[in-house]
Structure formats: C-alpha cells, structure tokens
Amino acid sequence: MDDSRPPEPSGSIDGHTDTDPPTAESPATTRTRRQTLALAVGVTAATAGCSGVLPARTRAVDTGDWATPGGTPAGTYASDGDASTTADDLRRRFHVETPDLSGSTRGVEPVVHDGTVYVGWHPSPTFDAATGRQRAALGPLDAPPAVTTQTPYRNATLVGVRTVEPSTGPPNYGREQALVGLNPTPSVDDGLRVRWRFPDTGGAFGHWGGDGVSPLTVADGTVFAGGSWQHPDGTQRAGVVALSAADGEPEWTYPVPDDLATDDSPASGDDDRGPDWYPATRPAVRDGTVYAVDALRRVHAVDAATGALEWIQSSTADGALSGRTVVATPSVILLLGDERVVGLDPSDGGELWRQRLDGHLADAGGRFAGAVADGRLIVVVTPEDGSQAVVALDTESGRELWRRQIDALTGLPTVADGRVYLSAYDDIRCLDAGDGRRRWRVLGDEDASPYGTPVPAEGGLYVVGYGSLTAFEREA
C-alpha cells in the first residue's frame, strides 16, 4: 500500500473534457474536487499504521531549487541558489559512476530538490544530493521530471513523460508517450508509483522534441504541457494543456486554431495528420500567462487560469518569427530563433526589438534555450566557420553586451549568482555574467566527461556525464 497516495479519482469533472472550448473550471467545482482529494489523504494517513510508516513530508519548492526543466516555469535556466565558486576553492563534492546513465547524455539536465537529484534518463535513477549515493530508480522516463509540492500529498509529486504501449494515438516520430504524476518514495513499486496518467490508458501524448527534451513545466500546482494528444475515445487535439498536478485532470486546453494550418507545416504530408497536429514546445509561464511556440514557430499567449487566448504573433518587421523556444521575463518575452532573438511585448506580442546572432543558435542534444538573469540573455551560437561563442544580450534592447569564443560545448548555459556555467566535452567552465571573463575552468577526465547541462542548486553544481553524475562545491 502506498501510504502517501489517496484513492484514485475517476471520471471527468462535471463532464469537462479537453474538447470543450477553453474555459476555467468554476471555483466551487475546483475547490470541491481538491478538498475531496485532501480528505482522502487525511483518511489514508489516519489508517497508515496497518501498512507502514508515512513518507517524510517534503519541503516546499523554493527559488534555490532546480525543480523543473529549464530551472523555472519561465524557462530562464537560472537559479537563485548560491553555487558561486572561485578557482581557488572549488572542489568535487562527489563523482558517481552508474550504468543507469549510459548512452547519449548530451545536454541532459538533472532536477534537484530537497536533497535529491533526479535524472530523467531511462531508468531515471535518483541520488542523494550531498553524498551521491544512488537511490531507487523512478522507472522509465524520457526527460527530466518537474517537482511540485502543491498537492494534498505529504511528499512531492514528480511530473514527467514516459513511453507507453502503442495505441491509436498521435504519431511522435516512432514512439508514443504519456504524461505521468509519480510518487518519488523509493520503496514503492511501479504499480503504485504512478499517481495519474494523461491521457488515460489507450491514449497517447506526443511532443516536439527528442530524447531528454521535456514538454512540460509546473507552476502553482498546475502542469502546463505543449504537444499533441489523443484520448482513448479518439478525440485528438494539439496545443497546450493545463492539468491538475494532484490528479492529472484537465483544467483547460488550448488547441492551436485550425485556421492557422498551411501546407508548409511539418504536420502536412503523406501521414495526413491534418491541422490538429501542431504541437507546441514546452511552455513558459510568468505573471498569469502561458507562452508557447507551435510547430510553425509562432508564439501563442494564453491565460494561465482559463486557457483563453490573449494573442498570437507570427511575424516581425523582417519576416516570419522562426522561433525555437521562448523565455518569459517580467518586461519582455524572448523568442529564440535559428539566427536571431526577438523581444516581444508581453501585453500584445508586438515586436520591441530584434537582434541577429551572427551565427546559428546552438543546440544541446536537440534542446534550444538561453539563460536569463540580471537583465542579460546568455546564448550559445555557432558561426558559419563552425566555431562557437557565448553571447550576452541586453534583454530590454537586444544590444550585444559581450561575446566570448568557446568551443566544444555540450550542455546549455545556466546562470546563478552572477555566474554563467557551461559544460564541454572535457571541462566545465564558469564565466562572469557581467563581462564574460572566465572565472574558472575544471578539466574533466576519462571517468567524468561532463556532457550534460550544469545545474546550480542546493549549494552545488551538478552535471551528468557519460555513465556518471558529478557534483562540485566551494571548499569548506
């Protein structure tokens, strides 16, 4: 018996399905459903003596954690945690080798919360954040999970994506997936670990990304995911879906409007997926609005509470947006494209500025992202000569602040405490976010090639390698 898990809810809420127009659940309906779930948790706790000890209560997620892919719901790849180090006091906290991290881990970012490191890479091992001791695996996940504590459970719920048995669901480039809410307690088996699944058994969820790329984030107890999905009854939709993190029930769905379909879409072709197959990238959430890029690289802004469309932006003064991913800041929405960055007004999507990158936006294992902190956007670009450079842009104007040549990068840039962290095939580097000067560089070795994205959290810097996890910290 899973002592942290209430009885499974069943059925839809007041007949609401994701085929309905984007509407919010009534406050009374939402409150009643979640109060019922909380009551079930209380009953379970009161009778827990018959089957074991309740799991420890998980502390709430705070700004020093790396609790969701992208670091924050806004996709800033930044942490408020203190991971600062200098060349003189840096030391390795631990290095762990495990076959559970074999295979291509380029760009993979671990998630860190409440003393645990979660690596969403088959079979998804977990580690003690202080010692590196390997704990139980979570079972197969295709990308790092997001952590939420805003549910009635005593412990956290991990929200991830996993491959499921083939069904009649949407094509996803050779595989079908589902979003799942998981109990992280090490002692439970996989049958009890899954708290909920979306869509239900027989349906499937597809998204615009490869291995290790997450389609979701979590904010204020709601899961926001971009992709395409089909329910067991054959209902198909694509766009953004908002789910309750407690039970996986849809709160609203925003399907990408059918009238935006064109013959240029990746969804048009011999497979006849039709206009519904317009998956969005992982959304960015800030100040009550969800931002997502569709398969034609247009930006959609949707109300986070209701799913109502606020605006769509599909072009700029010099042509199509061609967006890869979006990052939300309080004053500007940053759309990262193949060769440029565009700043959009959060209120209406109007263009504020645009800046060419003098190269292509570099990816890390199919991931495209930039790190934002203190008014600076940090991106990695690849010029025509094949070299690489780290570039800082002013988020208010798009003006280039500094550029530093750097080669063989394998992970995405991350930012914490005024420092930029980068991983390469043979080292980890730290740059000053203000001017780009190098603060330190740590060479890897045969046992610790740092292929993944370095994650600053809980006073350390965590990076996944080929068959390994390494953590660094400042010298005591």
Protein backbone atom coordinates (compact mmCIF):
# COMPACT_ATOMS: atom_id res chain seq x y z
CA MET A 1 0.00 0.00 0.00
CA ASP A 2 1.30 3.48 -0.92
CA ASP A 3 0.73 5.42 2.31
CA SER A 4 1.18 8.77 0.57
CA ARG A 5 -1.38 8.06 -2.11
CA PRO A 6 -5.14 8.61 -1.74
CA PRO A 7 -7.73 6.56 -3.58
CA GLU A 8 -7.57 7.22 -7.32
CA PRO A 9 -10.11 9.75 -8.58
CA SER A 10 -12.17 8.57 -11.53
CA GLY A 11 -14.14 10.10 -14.33
CA SER A 12 -14.23 13.65 -15.62
CA ILE A 13 -15.13 16.71 -13.61
CA ASP A 14 -18.64 17.93 -14.45
CA GLY A 15 -18.32 16.41 -17.89
CA HIS A 16 -15.38 18.66 -18.75
CA THR A 17 -13.12 17.27 -21.45
CA ASP A 18 -10.35 18.78 -23.50
CA THR A 19 -12.70 19.03 -26.47
CA ASP A 20 -14.65 21.80 -24.72
CA PRO A 21 -13.86 25.44 -25.53
CA PRO A 22 -11.09 26.88 -23.34
CA THR A 23 -12.89 27.70 -20.10
CA ALA A 24 -11.89 27.68 -16.45
CA GLU A 25 -13.47 25.28 -14.03
CA SER A 26 -15.80 27.09 -11.70
CA PRO A 27 -14.08 27.95 -8.38
CA ALA A 28 -16.65 25.90 -6.49
CA THR A 29 -16.04 22.81 -8.66
CA THR A 30 -12.26 23.04 -8.37
CA ARG A 31 -12.42 23.60 -4.64
CA THR A 32 -14.75 20.65 -4.03
CA ARG A 33 -12.65 18.23 -6.08
CA ARG A 34 -9.41 19.15 -4.35
CA GLN A 35 -10.98 19.22 -0.90
CA THR A 36 -12.23 15.71 -1.55
CA LEU A 37 -8.73 14.61 -2.54
CA ALA A 38 -7.27 16.21 0.59
CA LEU A 39 -9.87 14.42 2.75
CA ALA A 40 -8.84 11.10 1.18
CA VAL A 41 -5.21 11.84 2.05
CA GLY A 42 -6.20 12.50 5.65
CA VAL A 43 -8.09 9.22 5.89
CA THR A 44 -5.10 7.38 4.45
CA ALA A 45 -2.78 8.99 7.00
CA ALA A 46 -5.07 8.07 9.88
CA THR A 47 -5.03 4.40 8.91
CA ALA A 48 -1.39 4.19 7.88
CA GLY A 49 -0.35 2.11 10.88
CA CYS A 50 -1.62 -1.05 9.21
CA SER A 51 0.89 -0.92 6.41
CA GLY A 52 3.97 1.04 7.29
CA VAL A 53 5.40 4.47 8.05
CA LEU A 54 4.26 7.55 6.20
CA PRO A 55 6.88 9.12 3.93
CA ALA A 56 8.65 12.20 5.25
CA ARG A 57 6.95 15.47 4.49
CA THR A 58 8.70 17.16 1.58
CA ARG A 59 9.67 20.80 1.99
CA ALA A 60 8.16 23.31 -0.40
CA VAL A 61 9.95 24.17 -3.62
CA ASP A 62 11.94 27.40 -3.28
CA THR A 63 13.96 29.62 -5.60
CA GLY A 64 17.23 27.87 -4.75
CA ASP A 65 15.99 24.59 -6.24
CA TRP A 66 16.19 23.41 -9.83
CA ALA A 67 12.75 21.84 -9.60
CA THR A 68 11.64 21.91 -13.23
CA PRO A 69 13.29 21.52 -16.64
CA GLY A 70 14.51 24.99 -17.59
CA GLY A 71 15.17 25.90 -13.96
CA THR A 72 11.99 27.97 -13.52
CA PRO A 73 8.46 27.87 -15.00
CA ALA A 74 9.52 30.88 -17.11
CA GLY A 75 12.29 28.82 -18.72
CA THR A 76 15.10 31.11 -17.59
CA TYR A 77 17.69 28.38 -16.87
CA ALA A 78 18.60 30.35 -13.77
CA SER A 79 18.68 29.65 -10.04
CA ASP A 80 18.71 31.93 -7.02
CA GLY A 81 20.73 29.33 -5.15
CA ASP A 82 24.31 30.03 -4.10
CA ALA A 83 26.54 27.89 -6.30
CA SER A 84 29.28 30.52 -6.52
CA THR A 85 32.86 29.33 -6.57
CA THR A 86 36.32 30.64 -7.40
CA ALA A 87 39.23 28.79 -8.96
CA ASP A 88 40.95 28.53 -5.58
CA ASP A 89 38.16 26.98 -3.55
CA LEU A 90 36.34 24.69 -5.98
CA ARG A 91 36.29 21.02 -5.08
CA ARG A 92 34.45 17.95 -6.20
CA ARG A 93 31.62 17.03 -3.84
CA PHE A 94 31.19 13.56 -5.34
CA HIS A 95 31.53 11.56 -8.51
CA VAL A 96 29.28 8.55 -9.08
CA GLU A 97 29.52 6.10 -11.95
CA THR A 98 26.47 4.06 -12.91
CA PRO A 99 25.35 2.12 -15.99
CA ASP A 100 21.93 3.74 -15.47
CA LEU A 101 23.35 6.89 -17.10
CA SER A 102 24.93 5.21 -20.12
CA GLY A 103 24.05 6.33 -23.62
CA SER A 104 23.98 9.81 -25.06
CA THR A 105 23.51 12.21 -22.16
CA ARG A 106 24.48 15.34 -24.09
CA GLY A 107 22.56 18.30 -22.73
CA VAL A 108 20.66 16.30 -20.10
CA GLU A 109 19.86 18.43 -17.05
CA PRO A 110 19.17 16.86 -13.67
CA VAL A 111 16.45 18.23 -11.39
CA VAL A 112 17.40 18.97 -7.77
CA HIS A 113 15.04 19.41 -4.83
CA ASP A 114 15.06 18.71 -1.10
CA GLY A 115 18.32 16.80 -1.02
CA THR A 116 17.62 14.59 -4.05
CA VAL A 117 18.94 14.67 -7.61
CA TYR A 118 16.55 13.27 -10.23
CA VAL A 119 17.89 12.30 -13.65
CA GLY A 120 15.11 11.73 -16.13
CA TRP A 121 17.03 9.30 -18.28
CA HIS A 122 15.97 5.64 -18.60
CA PRO A 123 15.59 4.12 -15.91
CA SER A 124 15.64 7.51 -14.18
CA PRO A 125 17.97 6.98 -11.20
CA THR A 126 17.87 9.25 -8.16
CA PHE A 127 20.81 10.31 -5.99
CA ASP A 128 21.47 11.87 -2.60
CA ALA A 129 22.43 15.48 -3.37
CA ALA A 130 25.01 15.62 -0.57
CA THR A 131 26.79 12.28 -0.97
CA GLY A 132 25.90 10.99 -4.43
CA ARG A 133 24.58 7.72 -3.01
CA GLN A 134 22.31 6.19 -5.62
CA ARG A 135 18.73 5.57 -4.56
CA ALA A 136 15.87 3.73 -6.20
CA ALA A 137 15.09 4.45 -9.85
CA LEU A 138 11.78 6.03 -10.82
CA GLY A 139 11.23 3.74 -13.78
CA PRO A 140 11.42 4.76 -17.42
CA LEU A 141 11.17 8.48 -18.09
CA ASP A 142 12.06 10.18 -21.37
CA ALA A 143 13.03 13.56 -19.88
CA PRO A 144 13.75 15.20 -16.52
CA PRO A 145 10.64 15.39 -14.30
CA ALA A 146 9.27 18.54 -12.70
CA VAL A 147 8.77 18.61 -8.93
CA THR A 148 5.64 20.00 -7.31
CA THR A 149 4.67 20.11 -3.64
CA GLN A 150 1.37 21.95 -4.14
CA THR A 151 -0.80 18.85 -3.88
CA PRO A 152 -2.58 17.15 -0.92
CA TYR A 153 0.17 14.51 -0.66
CA ARG A 154 2.71 14.57 2.16
CA ASN A 155 5.59 14.14 -0.25
CA ALA A 156 6.31 15.67 -3.63
CA THR A 157 4.79 14.62 -6.93
CA LEU A 158 7.12 14.24 -9.89
CA VAL A 159 5.57 15.04 -13.25
CA GLY A 160 7.26 13.52 -16.27
CA VAL A 161 6.80 11.94 -19.69
CA ARG A 162 7.28 8.26 -20.45
CA THR A 163 6.94 5.97 -23.43
CA VAL A 164 3.78 3.86 -23.40
CA GLU A 165 2.46 0.89 -25.32
CA PRO A 166 1.47 1.65 -28.93
CA SER A 167 -2.12 2.78 -29.41
CA THR A 168 -4.05 4.73 -31.98
CA GLY A 169 -2.63 7.94 -30.61
CA PRO A 170 -0.79 10.77 -32.36
CA PRO A 171 2.45 10.00 -34.20
CA ASN A 172 5.52 11.09 -32.28
CA TYR A 173 8.32 10.18 -34.63
CA GLY A 174 8.33 6.49 -33.84
CA ARG A 175 7.05 6.38 -30.26
CA GLU A 176 4.05 7.27 -28.15
CA GLN A 177 4.15 8.83 -24.71
CA ALA A 178 2.00 9.88 -21.78
CA LEU A 179 2.34 12.49 -19.05
CA VAL A 180 2.52 10.90 -15.60
CA GLY A 181 2.45 12.03 -11.97
CA LEU A 182 4.77 9.90 -9.84
CA ASN A 183 5.28 9.17 -6.15
CA PRO A 184 9.05 9.54 -5.50
CA THR A 185 9.08 7.28 -2.41
CA PRO A 186 11.92 4.77 -3.01
CA SER A 187 10.11 1.76 -1.54
CA VAL A 188 7.06 1.66 -3.81
CA ASP A 189 6.89 -0.48 -6.93
CA ASP A 190 5.96 0.95 -10.30
CA GLY A 191 2.35 -0.15 -9.99
CA LEU A 192 1.86 2.17 -7.01
CA ARG A 193 4.32 4.82 -8.12
CA VAL A 194 2.07 6.22 -10.86
CA ARG A 195 -0.46 8.58 -9.26
CA TRP A 196 -2.07 9.64 -12.52
CA ARG A 197 -1.64 9.50 -16.27
CA PHE A 198 -2.70 11.80 -19.11
CA PRO A 199 -4.25 10.79 -21.41
CA ASP A 200 -5.80 7.70 -19.86
CA THR A 201 -4.71 4.20 -20.87
CA GLY A 202 -5.28 3.76 -24.57
CA GLY A 203 -4.44 7.38 -25.39
CA ALA A 204 -1.09 8.99 -26.09
CA PHE A 205 0.76 12.31 -25.92
CA GLY A 206 3.30 13.46 -28.50
CA HIS A 207 5.57 16.48 -28.41
CA TRP A 208 8.05 18.40 -30.50
CA GLY A 209 11.32 17.12 -29.09
CA GLY A 210 13.63 14.15 -28.85
CA ASP A 211 15.15 12.10 -26.04
CA GLY A 212 15.64 14.08 -22.87
CA VAL A 213 13.51 17.04 -24.02
CA SER A 214 10.63 17.78 -21.65
CA PRO A 215 7.32 19.19 -22.95
CA LEU A 216 6.14 20.47 -19.57
CA THR A 217 6.62 22.76 -16.61
CA VAL A 218 4.76 23.18 -13.31
CA ALA A 219 3.59 26.42 -11.70
CA ASP A 220 1.26 26.96 -8.72
CA GLY A 221 0.10 23.35 -8.64
CA THR A 222 -0.74 23.20 -12.36
CA VAL A 223 1.11 21.25 -15.06
CA PHE A 224 1.43 23.09 -18.38
CA ALA A 225 2.43 20.92 -21.34
CA GLY A 226 2.79 21.60 -25.05
CA GLY A 227 2.19 18.86 -27.60
CA SER A 228 -0.48 16.77 -29.28
CA TRP A 229 -2.68 14.19 -27.58
CA GLN A 230 -5.35 11.63 -28.28
CA HIS A 231 -7.77 10.15 -25.77
CA PRO A 232 -8.91 6.52 -25.85
CA ASP A 233 -12.18 7.64 -27.49
CA GLY A 234 -10.23 9.00 -30.47
CA THR A 235 -10.56 12.69 -29.55
CA GLN A 236 -7.49 14.50 -30.86
CA ARG A 237 -6.06 17.89 -30.01
CA ALA A 238 -2.77 19.76 -30.16
CA GLY A 239 -1.56 22.88 -28.42
CA VAL A 240 -1.25 23.49 -24.68
CA VAL A 241 -2.99 21.56 -21.90
CA ALA A 242 -3.20 22.53 -18.21
CA LEU A 243 -3.56 19.64 -15.74
CA SER A 244 -4.05 19.50 -12.00
CA ALA A 245 -0.75 18.33 -10.51
CA ALA A 246 -2.74 16.49 -7.84
CA ASP A 247 -4.71 14.13 -10.08
CA GLY A 248 -3.88 14.88 -13.73
CA GLU A 249 -7.39 16.10 -14.55
CA PRO A 250 -7.50 18.76 -17.31
CA GLU A 251 -8.17 22.26 -16.02
CA TRP A 252 -8.33 23.62 -19.57
CA THR A 253 -6.94 23.02 -23.03
CA TYR A 254 -5.88 25.47 -25.69
CA PRO A 255 -5.90 23.81 -29.11
CA VAL A 256 -3.90 25.66 -31.77
CA PRO A 257 -6.56 27.17 -34.05
CA ASP A 258 -7.24 25.09 -37.16
CA ASP A 259 -7.35 28.14 -39.41
CA LEU A 260 -3.59 28.58 -38.88
CA ALA A 261 -2.88 25.39 -40.85
CA THR A 262 -0.82 25.73 -44.02
CA ASP A 263 0.77 23.34 -46.47
CA ASP A 264 4.17 24.34 -45.10
CA SER A 265 3.50 22.69 -41.77
CA PRO A 266 5.51 19.63 -40.70
CA ALA A 267 2.07 18.22 -39.96
CA SER A 268 1.11 18.29 -43.63
CA GLY A 269 2.23 15.34 -45.72
CA ASP A 270 1.75 11.69 -46.50
CA ASP A 271 0.78 10.76 -42.95
CA ASP A 272 -2.29 13.05 -43.22
CA ARG A 273 -2.11 14.24 -39.65
CA GLY A 274 -4.14 17.28 -40.60
CA PRO A 275 -4.36 20.72 -38.99
CA ASP A 276 -4.70 19.39 -35.44
CA TRP A 277 -1.09 18.22 -35.40
CA TYR A 278 0.50 21.46 -34.33
CA PRO A 279 2.40 20.59 -31.16
CA ALA A 280 3.77 23.42 -29.07
CA THR A 281 7.15 23.47 -27.37
CA ARG A 282 7.48 23.44 -23.59
CA PRO A 283 5.53 26.48 -22.37
CA ALA A 284 6.98 29.33 -20.35
CA VAL A 285 4.78 30.67 -17.54
CA ARG A 286 5.02 34.08 -15.90
CA ASP A 287 2.62 36.58 -14.31
CA GLY A 288 -0.53 34.64 -15.14
CA THR A 289 0.23 33.99 -18.82
CA VAL A 290 1.47 30.89 -20.64
CA TYR A 291 3.68 31.36 -23.71
CA ALA A 292 4.35 28.59 -26.23
CA VAL A 293 5.77 28.18 -29.73
CA ASP A 294 3.92 25.97 -32.22
CA ALA A 295 5.37 23.74 -34.95
CA LEU A 296 5.33 26.67 -37.37
CA ARG A 297 7.28 28.66 -34.77
CA ARG A 298 4.60 31.20 -33.91
CA VAL A 299 4.12 32.43 -30.34
CA HIS A 300 0.80 31.91 -28.55
CA ALA A 301 -0.01 33.73 -25.30
CA VAL A 302 -2.74 32.07 -23.21
CA ASP A 303 -4.31 32.99 -19.88
CA ALA A 304 -2.85 30.61 -17.27
CA ALA A 305 -6.09 30.41 -15.28
CA THR A 306 -8.61 29.90 -18.09
CA GLY A 307 -6.77 28.88 -21.27
CA ALA A 308 -8.26 31.86 -23.12
CA LEU A 309 -6.14 33.16 -25.99
CA GLU A 310 -4.56 36.56 -25.34
CA TRP A 311 -2.60 36.99 -28.57
CA ILE A 312 -0.73 35.20 -31.37
CA GLN A 313 2.39 36.60 -33.01
CA SER A 314 3.56 35.09 -36.29
CA SER A 315 5.84 37.67 -37.89
CA THR A 316 8.20 40.56 -37.31
CA ALA A 317 9.24 43.51 -39.41
CA ASP A 318 11.66 41.41 -41.44
CA GLY A 319 9.67 38.21 -41.90
CA ALA A 320 8.49 35.10 -40.07
CA LEU A 321 9.45 34.65 -36.43
CA SER A 322 11.11 31.25 -36.89
CA GLY A 323 11.14 30.70 -33.14
CA ARG A 324 12.78 27.71 -31.46
CA THR A 325 11.86 28.39 -27.86
CA VAL A 326 10.51 31.17 -25.66
CA VAL A 327 11.72 32.65 -22.36
CA ALA A 328 9.47 34.88 -20.26
CA THR A 329 10.81 37.85 -18.28
CA PRO A 330 8.71 40.47 -16.45
CA SER A 331 9.12 43.10 -19.19
CA VAL A 332 9.87 41.20 -22.40
CA ILE A 333 9.15 37.81 -23.97
CA LEU A 334 12.29 36.47 -25.61
CA LEU A 335 11.81 34.34 -28.72
CA LEU A 336 14.97 32.46 -29.63
CA GLY A 337 15.17 31.66 -33.34
CA ASP A 338 17.65 29.97 -35.62
CA GLU A 339 19.72 33.08 -36.28
CA ARG A 340 18.19 35.82 -34.16
CA VAL A 341 16.42 36.74 -30.96
CA VAL A 342 13.21 38.78 -30.94
CA GLY A 343 11.87 40.71 -27.95
CA LEU A 344 8.07 40.79 -27.75
CA ASP A 345 5.77 42.94 -25.63
CA PRO A 346 4.07 40.66 -23.02
CA SER A 347 0.83 42.64 -23.30
CA ASP A 348 0.13 42.21 -27.02
CA GLY A 349 3.02 40.37 -28.69
CA GLY A 350 4.24 43.46 -30.50
CA GLU A 351 7.89 43.48 -31.54
CA LEU A 352 10.12 45.53 -29.22
CA TRP A 353 13.45 44.69 -30.80
CA ARG A 354 15.29 42.04 -32.79
CA GLN A 355 18.95 41.05 -32.86
CA ARG A 356 20.79 38.83 -35.30
CA LEU A 357 23.15 36.36 -33.65
CA ASP A 358 25.91 36.28 -36.28
CA GLY A 359 25.52 32.50 -36.35
CA HIS A 360 23.01 29.78 -35.59
CA LEU A 361 21.55 29.19 -32.17
CA ALA A 362 23.44 26.15 -30.88
CA ASP A 363 21.51 23.18 -29.56
CA ALA A 364 22.42 20.62 -26.92
CA GLY A 365 21.05 17.23 -27.84
CA GLY A 366 18.05 18.78 -29.58
CA ARG A 367 17.47 21.40 -26.86
CA PHE A 368 17.40 25.11 -27.64
CA ALA A 369 17.50 27.57 -24.75
CA GLY A 370 19.06 30.66 -23.27
CA ALA A 371 19.73 31.64 -19.66
CA VAL A 372 18.34 34.89 -18.27
CA ALA A 373 19.42 36.77 -15.16
CA ASP A 374 20.01 40.40 -14.16
CA GLY A 375 18.78 41.79 -17.47
CA ARG A 376 21.02 39.59 -19.60
CA LEU A 377 20.18 36.77 -22.00
CA ILE A 378 23.03 34.26 -22.40
CA VAL A 379 23.02 32.10 -25.55
CA VAL A 380 25.50 29.93 -27.42
CA VAL A 381 25.83 30.50 -31.16
CA THR A 382 27.65 28.65 -33.93
CA PRO A 383 29.01 30.94 -36.70
CA GLU A 384 29.46 29.75 -40.28
CA ASP A 385 33.09 28.76 -39.60
CA GLY A 386 31.92 26.07 -37.16
CA SER A 387 33.34 27.71 -34.04
CA GLN A 388 31.21 28.55 -31.00
CA ALA A 389 30.67 31.68 -28.97
CA VAL A 390 28.83 32.57 -25.78
CA VAL A 391 26.90 35.81 -26.32
CA ALA A 392 25.18 38.10 -23.80
CA LEU A 393 22.33 40.36 -24.94
CA ASP A 394 20.58 43.12 -23.02
CA THR A 395 17.00 41.88 -22.54
CA GLU A 396 15.48 45.38 -22.77
CA SER A 397 17.12 46.43 -26.04
CA GLY A 398 18.67 43.33 -27.63
CA ARG A 399 22.06 45.06 -27.69
CA GLU A 400 25.04 42.71 -27.57
CA LEU A 401 26.90 43.21 -24.29
CA TRP A 402 29.76 40.78 -24.73
CA ARG A 403 30.87 37.77 -26.76
CA ARG A 404 33.41 35.10 -25.86
CA GLN A 405 34.77 32.42 -28.17
CA ILE A 406 34.46 28.94 -26.67
CA ASP A 407 34.43 25.54 -28.33
CA ALA A 408 33.09 22.00 -27.91
CA LEU A 409 30.17 22.91 -25.65
CA THR A 410 27.78 20.06 -24.94
CA GLY A 411 25.24 21.47 -22.48
CA LEU A 412 23.02 24.53 -22.29
CA PRO A 413 24.21 27.63 -20.39
CA THR A 414 22.87 28.14 -16.88
CA VAL A 415 23.12 31.13 -14.54
CA ALA A 416 23.32 31.60 -10.78
CA ASP A 417 24.72 34.30 -8.52
CA GLY A 418 26.13 36.38 -11.40
CA ARG A 419 27.94 33.45 -12.99
CA VAL A 420 27.41 31.52 -16.22
CA TYR A 421 28.07 27.76 -16.14
CA LEU A 422 28.98 25.78 -19.24
CA SER A 423 29.97 22.20 -19.95
CA ALA A 424 32.13 20.88 -22.78
CA TYR A 425 33.49 17.52 -23.83
CA ASP A 426 36.47 17.80 -21.50
CA ASP A 427 35.77 20.53 -18.94
CA ILE A 428 33.32 22.71 -17.04
CA ARG A 429 33.71 26.47 -17.24
CA CYS A 430 32.42 29.43 -15.28
CA LEU A 431 32.17 32.91 -16.80
CA ASP A 432 31.29 36.21 -15.17
CA ALA A 433 27.77 37.11 -16.34
CA GLY A 434 28.64 40.82 -16.28
CA ASP A 435 31.53 40.88 -18.72
CA GLY A 436 32.12 37.30 -19.92
CA ARG A 437 35.59 36.89 -18.40
CA ARG A 438 36.50 33.38 -17.30
CA ARG A 439 36.36 32.83 -13.56
CA TRP A 440 37.45 29.21 -13.54
CA ARG A 441 37.77 26.05 -15.57
CA VAL A 442 37.81 22.47 -14.29
CA LEU A 443 39.19 19.77 -16.54
CA GLY A 444 37.29 16.50 -16.81
CA ASP A 445 38.84 13.08 -17.03
CA GLU A 446 38.07 9.73 -18.57
CA ASP A 447 35.67 8.94 -15.76
CA ALA A 448 33.85 12.27 -15.67
CA SER A 449 33.26 13.70 -19.13
CA PRO A 450 30.67 16.44 -18.47
CA TYR A 451 28.25 16.03 -21.37
CA GLY A 452 25.11 17.36 -19.67
CA THR A 453 23.82 20.79 -18.72
CA PRO A 454 25.38 22.02 -15.43
CA VAL A 455 22.69 22.70 -12.81
CA PRO A 456 23.37 25.10 -9.90
CA ALA A 457 21.22 24.16 -6.90
CA GLU A 458 21.42 23.48 -3.15
CA GLY A 459 24.90 24.96 -2.86
CA GLY A 460 26.40 22.77 -5.57
CA LEU A 461 26.82 22.36 -9.30
CA TYR A 462 25.52 19.07 -10.73
CA VAL A 463 26.40 17.72 -14.17
CA VAL A 464 25.57 14.41 -15.86
CA GLY A 465 28.33 12.70 -17.81
CA TYR A 466 28.54 9.58 -19.89
CA GLY A 467 27.68 6.99 -17.25
CA SER A 468 28.22 9.35 -14.33
CA LEU A 469 26.94 12.16 -12.13
CA THR A 470 29.39 14.70 -10.69
CA ALA A 471 28.78 17.49 -8.18
CA PHE A 472 31.09 20.40 -7.35
CA GLU A 473 31.01 22.83 -4.45
CA ARG A 474 33.14 25.51 -2.86
CA GLU A 475 35.85 24.36 -0.44
CA ALA A 476 34.71 24.34 3.18
